[in-house]
Amino acid sequence: MKIEELENAPQWLLDAETHNADVEIIDGVVHWYDGSWFGGIWKGGVWHGGIWHRGAWNCGTWENGVWYDGFFQGGTWKNGIWKDGIWGYADWHDGVWFNGEWNRGTWLDGYWLNGVWKDGYWFKGSWYEGKWEKGYKWERGKAKLVPSDTQPVND
């Protein structure tokens, strides 16, 4: 359903810059299924698919889709493709990270292909390349490429 057709849509969703959005409100919760987000502040709900171009994610659950740029802070990332942007404090469950800056949070599984890890907890996953600056924990995972001594190592 188009955003303008929704009943009781939250103001933050109405204020967002979007294109071809397919959205529903189920039991008072925003569910985004498809379309593109170009700006605004996401303040809760479930992202099932679509493309994120820029803006700020403050809370909610990301289940699938492609993230191109923006700031993700608060909430849960379950699966999808991260192309660039800044990660604040949230939980990453699975997916593919291509580039960007990880400031802090919890990485539970997935593929890290490039970017800068600045702080946080790594529990499991595959590290291909990037820069590891600091972290609280490298519990287990596979470091595929280790181009410098700043990278995590297999343990």
C-alpha atoms as a PDB file:
ATOM      1  CA  MET A   1       0.000   0.000   0.000  1.00  0.00           C
ATOM      2  CA  LYS A   2       1.207   3.524  -0.678  1.00  0.00           C
ATOM      3  CA  ILE A   3       2.091   5.647   2.341  1.00  0.00           C
ATOM      4  CA  GLU A   4      -0.557   8.238   1.542  1.00  0.00           C
ATOM      5  CA  GLU A   5      -3.232   5.507   1.568  1.00  0.00           C
ATOM      6  CA  LEU A   6      -2.393   4.339   5.098  1.00  0.00           C
ATOM      7  CA  GLU A   7      -4.704   5.053   8.005  1.00  0.00           C
ATOM      8  CA  ASN A   8      -3.001   6.215  11.197  1.00  0.00           C
ATOM      9  CA  ALA A   9       0.475   6.432   9.642  1.00  0.00           C
ATOM     10  CA  PRO A  10       3.047   7.896  12.043  1.00  0.00           C
ATOM     11  CA  GLN A  11       4.210  11.413  11.235  1.00  0.00           C
ATOM     12  CA  TRP A  12       7.844  10.329  10.817  1.00  0.00           C
ATOM     13  CA  LEU A  13       6.765   8.025   7.958  1.00  0.00           C
ATOM     14  CA  LEU A  14       4.668  10.744   6.327  1.00  0.00           C
ATOM     15  CA  ASP A  15       7.640  13.145   6.548  1.00  0.00           C
ATOM     16  CA  ALA A  16      10.121  10.712   4.963  1.00  0.00           C
ATOM     17  CA  GLU A  17      11.337  11.034   1.403  1.00  0.00           C
ATOM     18  CA  THR A  18      10.380   7.780  -0.351  1.00  0.00           C
ATOM     19  CA  HIS A  19       9.689   6.361  -3.801  1.00  0.00           C
ATOM     20  CA  ASN A  20       7.304   3.511  -4.719  1.00  0.00           C
ATOM     21  CA  ALA A  21       6.887   2.483  -1.088  1.00  0.00           C
ATOM     22  CA  ASP A  22       4.863  -0.618  -0.292  1.00  0.00           C
ATOM     23  CA  VAL A  23       3.968  -0.294   3.393  1.00  0.00           C
ATOM     24  CA  GLU A  24       1.392  -1.625   5.840  1.00  0.00           C
ATOM     25  CA  ILE A  25       0.492  -0.877   9.436  1.00  0.00           C
ATOM     26  CA  ILE A  26      -0.168  -4.127  11.311  1.00  0.00           C
ATOM     27  CA  ASP A  27      -1.263  -3.864  14.938  1.00  0.00           C
ATOM     28  CA  GLY A  28       0.150  -0.339  15.043  1.00  0.00           C
ATOM     29  CA  VAL A  29       3.565  -1.387  13.665  1.00  0.00           C
ATOM     30  CA  VAL A  30       4.980  -0.113  10.349  1.00  0.00           C
ATOM     31  CA  HIS A  31       5.952  -2.892   7.916  1.00  0.00           C
ATOM     32  CA  TRP A  32       7.996  -1.789   4.880  1.00  0.00           C
ATOM     33  CA  TYR A  33       7.977  -4.341   2.039  1.00  0.00           C
ATOM     34  CA  ASP A  34       9.436  -2.606  -1.002  1.00  0.00           C
ATOM     35  CA  GLY A  35      10.416   0.719  -2.476  1.00  0.00           C
ATOM     36  CA  SER A  36      13.182   3.214  -1.810  1.00  0.00           C
ATOM     37  CA  TRP A  37      13.889   5.354   1.245  1.00  0.00           C
ATOM     38  CA  PHE A  38      15.777   8.558   0.403  1.00  0.00           C
ATOM     39  CA  GLY A  39      15.722  10.485   3.664  1.00  0.00           C
ATOM     40  CA  GLY A  40      14.116  10.926   7.011  1.00  0.00           C
ATOM     41  CA  ILE A  41      14.279   9.229  10.391  1.00  0.00           C
ATOM     42  CA  TRP A  42      13.038   5.654  10.757  1.00  0.00           C
ATOM     43  CA  LYS A  43      11.546   5.383  14.235  1.00  0.00           C
ATOM     44  CA  GLY A  44      10.347   1.802  14.475  1.00  0.00           C
ATOM     45  CA  GLY A  45       8.786  -1.077  12.648  1.00  0.00           C
ATOM     46  CA  VAL A  46       9.979  -3.901  10.425  1.00  0.00           C
ATOM     47  CA  TRP A  47      11.876  -3.484   7.153  1.00  0.00           C
ATOM     48  CA  HIS A  48      11.184  -6.567   5.001  1.00  0.00           C
ATOM     49  CA  GLY A  49      12.819  -5.450   1.735  1.00  0.00           C
ATOM     50  CA  GLY A  50      13.603  -2.515  -0.471  1.00  0.00           C
ATOM     51  CA  ILE A  51      16.452  -0.049  -0.823  1.00  0.00           C
ATOM     52  CA  TRP A  52      17.720   2.422   1.775  1.00  0.00           C
ATOM     53  CA  HIS A  53      19.672   5.322   0.273  1.00  0.00           C
ATOM     54  CA  ARG A  54      20.220   7.707   3.188  1.00  0.00           C
ATOM     55  CA  GLY A  55      18.708   8.881   6.433  1.00  0.00           C
ATOM     56  CA  ALA A  56      18.799   7.748  10.047  1.00  0.00           C
ATOM     57  CA  TRP A  57      17.567   4.459  11.480  1.00  0.00           C
ATOM     58  CA  ASN A  58      16.726   4.880  15.176  1.00  0.00           C
ATOM     59  CA  CYS A  59      15.010   1.596  16.066  1.00  0.00           C
ATOM     60  CA  GLY A  60      13.205  -1.356  14.597  1.00  0.00           C
ATOM     61  CA  THR A  61      14.051  -4.593  12.813  1.00  0.00           C
ATOM     62  CA  TRP A  62      15.795  -4.821   9.445  1.00  0.00           C
ATOM     63  CA  GLU A  63      15.002  -8.217   7.896  1.00  0.00           C
ATOM     64  CA  ASN A  64      16.184  -7.864   4.298  1.00  0.00           C
ATOM     65  CA  GLY A  65      17.039  -5.331   1.623  1.00  0.00           C
ATOM     66  CA  VAL A  66      19.976  -3.205   0.528  1.00  0.00           C
ATOM     67  CA  TRP A  67      21.448  -0.370   2.617  1.00  0.00           C
ATOM     68  CA  TYR A  68      23.481   2.192   0.638  1.00  0.00           C
ATOM     69  CA  ASP A  69      24.183   4.999   3.105  1.00  0.00           C
ATOM     70  CA  GLY A  70      22.985   6.555   6.299  1.00  0.00           C
ATOM     71  CA  PHE A  71      23.239   6.094  10.030  1.00  0.00           C
ATOM     72  CA  PHE A  72      21.962   2.922  11.720  1.00  0.00           C
ATOM     73  CA  GLN A  73      21.594   3.173  15.474  1.00  0.00           C
ATOM     74  CA  GLY A  74      19.286   1.108  17.612  1.00  0.00           C
ATOM     75  CA  GLY A  75      17.443  -1.988  16.626  1.00  0.00           C
ATOM     76  CA  THR A  76      18.239  -5.301  15.026  1.00  0.00           C
ATOM     77  CA  TRP A  77      19.706  -6.208  11.634  1.00  0.00           C
ATOM     78  CA  LYS A  78      18.677  -9.755  10.734  1.00  0.00           C
ATOM     79  CA  ASN A  79      19.770 -10.062   7.099  1.00  0.00           C
ATOM     80  CA  GLY A  80      20.526  -7.967   4.059  1.00  0.00           C
ATOM     81  CA  ILE A  81      23.316  -6.209   2.214  1.00  0.00           C
ATOM     82  CA  TRP A  82      25.160  -3.220   3.701  1.00  0.00           C
ATOM     83  CA  LYS A  83      26.990  -1.139   1.074  1.00  0.00           C
ATOM     84  CA  ASP A  84      28.122   1.928   3.062  1.00  0.00           C
ATOM     85  CA  GLY A  85      27.215   4.120   6.000  1.00  0.00           C
ATOM     86  CA  ILE A  86      27.784   4.422   9.721  1.00  0.00           C
ATOM     87  CA  TRP A  87      26.772   1.774  12.226  1.00  0.00           C
ATOM     88  CA  GLY A  88      26.014   3.062  15.701  1.00  0.00           C
ATOM     89  CA  TYR A  89      24.916   0.742  18.458  1.00  0.00           C
ATOM     90  CA  ALA A  90      22.712  -2.185  17.411  1.00  0.00           C
ATOM     91  CA  ASP A  91      22.726  -5.955  16.894  1.00  0.00           C
ATOM     92  CA  TRP A  92      23.805  -7.509  13.575  1.00  0.00           C
ATOM     93  CA  HIS A  93      22.547 -11.093  13.223  1.00  0.00           C
ATOM     94  CA  ASP A  94      23.474 -11.955   9.629  1.00  0.00           C
ATOM     95  CA  GLY A  95      24.109 -10.419   6.248  1.00  0.00           C
ATOM     96  CA  VAL A  96      26.889  -9.040   4.082  1.00  0.00           C
ATOM     97  CA  TRP A  97      28.876  -5.908   5.010  1.00  0.00           C
ATOM     98  CA  PHE A  98      30.677  -4.317   2.049  1.00  0.00           C
ATOM     99  CA  ASN A  99      31.939  -0.997   3.359  1.00  0.00           C
ATOM    100  CA  GLY A 100      31.361   1.636   5.986  1.00  0.00           C
ATOM    101  CA  GLU A 101      32.209   2.429   9.564  1.00  0.00           C
ATOM    102  CA  TRP A 102      31.237   0.207  12.486  1.00  0.00           C
ATOM    103  CA  ASN A 103      31.405   2.280  15.663  1.00  0.00           C
ATOM    104  CA  ARG A 104      30.059  -0.183  18.190  1.00  0.00           C
ATOM    105  CA  GLY A 105      27.476  -2.887  18.591  1.00  0.00           C
ATOM    106  CA  THR A 106      27.228  -6.664  18.511  1.00  0.00           C
ATOM    107  CA  TRP A 107      28.105  -8.763  15.441  1.00  0.00           C
ATOM    108  CA  LEU A 108      26.563 -12.223  15.734  1.00  0.00           C
ATOM    109  CA  ASP A 109      27.212 -13.659  12.245  1.00  0.00           C
ATOM    110  CA  GLY A 110      27.711 -12.696   8.635  1.00  0.00           C
ATOM    111  CA  TYR A 111      30.343 -11.681   6.092  1.00  0.00           C
ATOM    112  CA  TRP A 112      32.605  -8.640   6.512  1.00  0.00           C
ATOM    113  CA  LEU A 113      34.178  -7.646   3.201  1.00  0.00           C
ATOM    114  CA  ASN A 114      35.595  -4.156   3.823  1.00  0.00           C
ATOM    115  CA  GLY A 115      35.292  -1.125   6.049  1.00  0.00           C
ATOM    116  CA  VAL A 116      36.523   0.057   9.431  1.00  0.00           C
ATOM    117  CA  TRP A 117      35.660  -1.728  12.670  1.00  0.00           C
ATOM    118  CA  LYS A 118      36.115   0.799  15.475  1.00  0.00           C
ATOM    119  CA  ASP A 119      34.590  -0.932  18.485  1.00  0.00           C
ATOM    120  CA  GLY A 120      32.160  -3.627  19.530  1.00  0.00           C
ATOM    121  CA  TYR A 121      31.675  -7.335  20.053  1.00  0.00           C
ATOM    122  CA  TRP A 122      32.367  -9.929  17.321  1.00  0.00           C
ATOM    123  CA  PHE A 123      30.922 -13.362  18.053  1.00  0.00           C
ATOM    124  CA  LYS A 124      30.931 -15.261  14.776  1.00  0.00           C
ATOM    125  CA  GLY A 125      31.311 -14.707  11.060  1.00  0.00           C
ATOM    126  CA  SER A 126      33.789 -14.424   8.214  1.00  0.00           C
ATOM    127  CA  TRP A 127      36.187 -11.481   7.954  1.00  0.00           C
ATOM    128  CA  TYR A 128      37.571 -11.007   4.455  1.00  0.00           C
ATOM    129  CA  GLU A 129      39.271  -7.635   4.691  1.00  0.00           C
ATOM    130  CA  GLY A 130      39.042  -4.227   6.281  1.00  0.00           C
ATOM    131  CA  LYS A 131      40.564  -2.386   9.199  1.00  0.00           C
ATOM    132  CA  TRP A 132      40.109  -3.582  12.785  1.00  0.00           C
ATOM    133  CA  GLU A 133      40.894  -0.704  15.133  1.00  0.00           C
ATOM    134  CA  LYS A 134      39.496  -1.890  18.428  1.00  0.00           C
ATOM    135  CA  GLY A 135      36.989  -4.355  19.777  1.00  0.00           C
ATOM    136  CA  TYR A 136      35.901  -5.904  23.029  1.00  0.00           C
ATOM    137  CA  LYS A 137      35.825  -9.471  21.871  1.00  0.00           C
ATOM    138  CA  TRP A 138      36.694 -11.690  18.918  1.00  0.00           C
ATOM    139  CA  GLU A 139      35.035 -14.913  19.971  1.00  0.00           C
ATOM    140  CA  ARG A 140      35.190 -17.006  16.854  1.00  0.00           C
ATOM    141  CA  GLY A 141      35.116 -16.640  13.146  1.00  0.00           C
ATOM    142  CA  LYS A 142      37.231 -17.018  10.081  1.00  0.00           C
ATOM    143  CA  ALA A 143      39.688 -14.356   9.053  1.00  0.00           C
ATOM    144  CA  LYS A 144      40.053 -15.061   5.331  1.00  0.00           C
ATOM    145  CA  LEU A 145      42.511 -12.306   4.436  1.00  0.00           C
ATOM    146  CA  VAL A 146      44.834 -10.642   6.888  1.00  0.00           C
ATOM    147  CA  PRO A 147      46.532  -7.770   5.009  1.00  0.00           C
ATOM    148  CA  SER A 148      47.871  -6.094   8.164  1.00  0.00           C
ATOM    149  CA  ASP A 149      48.503  -6.875  11.797  1.00  0.00           C
ATOM    150  CA  THR A 150      45.479  -4.763  12.789  1.00  0.00           C
ATOM    151  CA  GLN A 151      43.126  -7.505  11.557  1.00  0.00           C
ATOM    152  CA  PRO A 152      41.547 -10.079  13.829  1.00  0.00           C
ATOM    153  CA  VAL A 153      43.093 -13.508  13.638  1.00  0.00           C
ATOM    154  CA  ASN A 154      41.530 -16.930  13.663  1.00  0.00           C
ATOM    155  CA  ASP A 155      41.276 -18.403  17.131  1.00  0.00           C
END
